Amino acid sequence: MTDWDTLRTLADEGNEKALDRLADLADERNELDALNELLDEGSDRAGEHLTRRAAAAKDLVELQRISDAGYDEAAAVLDRLLD
């Protein structure tokens, strides 16, 4: 079983640290689809990584999408960029 599979199992069992580590691994591997899936699952860590990427690219549409998915920090970054 890979680290991903082990962490996925633990996350599915409700382990928040495992969910955070999955987001970190997805970010390290540049796996945006996995980050988006984790965001959809409510992972704040995935939202953090995606927001950082979108802010660096000044991608307002992506920041809005992340905000709409429930990660409030994306809205704050979006507001700062629009000021």
Protein backbone atom coordinates (compact mmCIF):
# COMPACT_ATOMS: atom_id res chain seq x y z
CA MET A 1 0.00 0.00 0.00
CA THR A 2 1.38 3.44 -0.94
CA ASP A 3 1.61 6.39 1.40
CA TRP A 4 -1.29 7.92 -0.53
CA ASP A 5 -3.46 4.84 -0.04
CA THR A 6 -2.66 4.63 3.67
CA LEU A 7 -3.39 8.31 4.17
CA ARG A 8 -6.56 8.05 2.10
CA THR A 9 -7.80 5.21 4.32
CA LEU A 10 -7.03 7.18 7.48
CA ALA A 11 -8.69 10.31 6.08
CA ASP A 12 -11.78 8.31 5.16
CA GLU A 13 -11.90 7.18 8.78
CA GLY A 14 -12.00 10.83 9.87
CA ASN A 15 -8.35 11.49 10.59
CA GLU A 16 -7.89 15.24 9.93
CA LYS A 17 -4.09 15.05 9.99
CA ALA A 18 -4.17 12.41 7.27
CA LEU A 19 -6.44 14.64 5.17
CA ASP A 20 -3.99 17.53 5.62
CA ARG A 21 -1.07 15.29 4.63
CA LEU A 22 -2.95 14.16 1.51
CA ALA A 23 -3.31 17.81 0.52
CA ASP A 24 0.38 18.40 1.16
CA LEU A 25 1.32 15.39 -0.96
CA ALA A 26 -0.98 16.46 -3.79
CA ASP A 27 0.57 19.93 -3.70
CA GLU A 28 4.11 18.53 -3.69
CA ARG A 29 3.23 16.32 -6.67
CA ASN A 30 1.46 19.19 -8.45
CA GLU A 31 -1.72 17.11 -8.62
CA LEU A 32 -4.33 19.81 -9.01
CA ASP A 33 -7.17 17.35 -9.60
CA ALA A 34 -6.41 15.68 -6.28
CA LEU A 35 -6.26 19.06 -4.53
CA ASN A 36 -9.62 19.99 -6.01
CA GLU A 37 -11.14 16.70 -4.88
CA LEU A 38 -9.81 17.28 -1.37
CA LEU A 39 -11.20 20.81 -1.39
CA ASP A 40 -14.58 19.35 -2.32
CA GLU A 41 -14.24 17.08 0.72
CA GLY A 42 -13.80 20.15 2.89
CA SER A 43 -10.03 20.10 3.25
CA ASP A 44 -8.85 23.52 4.41
CA ARG A 45 -5.28 22.51 3.66
CA ALA A 46 -6.22 21.88 0.02
CA GLY A 47 -7.92 25.27 -0.01
CA GLU A 48 -4.76 26.82 1.40
CA HIS A 49 -2.59 25.31 -1.33
CA LEU A 50 -5.01 26.17 -4.13
CA THR A 51 -5.43 29.72 -2.84
CA ARG A 52 -1.68 30.24 -2.70
CA ARG A 53 -1.36 29.08 -6.30
CA ALA A 54 -4.27 31.19 -7.53
CA ALA A 55 -3.06 34.28 -5.67
CA ALA A 56 0.42 33.94 -7.17
CA ALA A 57 -1.15 33.77 -10.63
CA LYS A 58 -3.65 36.54 -9.75
CA ASP A 59 -6.35 34.17 -10.99
CA LEU A 60 -9.50 35.89 -9.76
CA VAL A 61 -11.83 33.30 -11.27
CA GLU A 62 -10.02 30.48 -9.50
CA LEU A 63 -10.04 32.37 -6.21
CA GLN A 64 -13.79 32.84 -6.56
CA ARG A 65 -14.23 29.12 -7.28
CA ILE A 66 -12.20 28.18 -4.20
CA SER A 67 -14.18 30.64 -2.11
CA ASP A 68 -17.44 29.21 -3.44
CA ALA A 69 -16.22 25.75 -2.43
CA GLY A 70 -16.15 26.95 1.16
CA TYR A 71 -12.61 28.13 1.79
CA ASP A 72 -13.11 31.60 3.27
CA GLU A 73 -9.47 32.67 3.02
CA ALA A 74 -9.78 32.64 -0.77
CA ALA A 75 -12.46 35.32 -0.48
CA ALA A 76 -10.16 37.43 1.68
CA VAL A 77 -7.33 37.12 -0.85
CA LEU A 78 -9.75 37.93 -3.66
CA ASP A 79 -10.87 41.07 -1.82
CA ARG A 80 -7.27 42.18 -1.33
CA LEU A 81 -6.48 41.70 -5.00
CA LEU A 82 -9.55 43.65 -6.05
CA ASP A 83 -8.72 46.64 -3.80
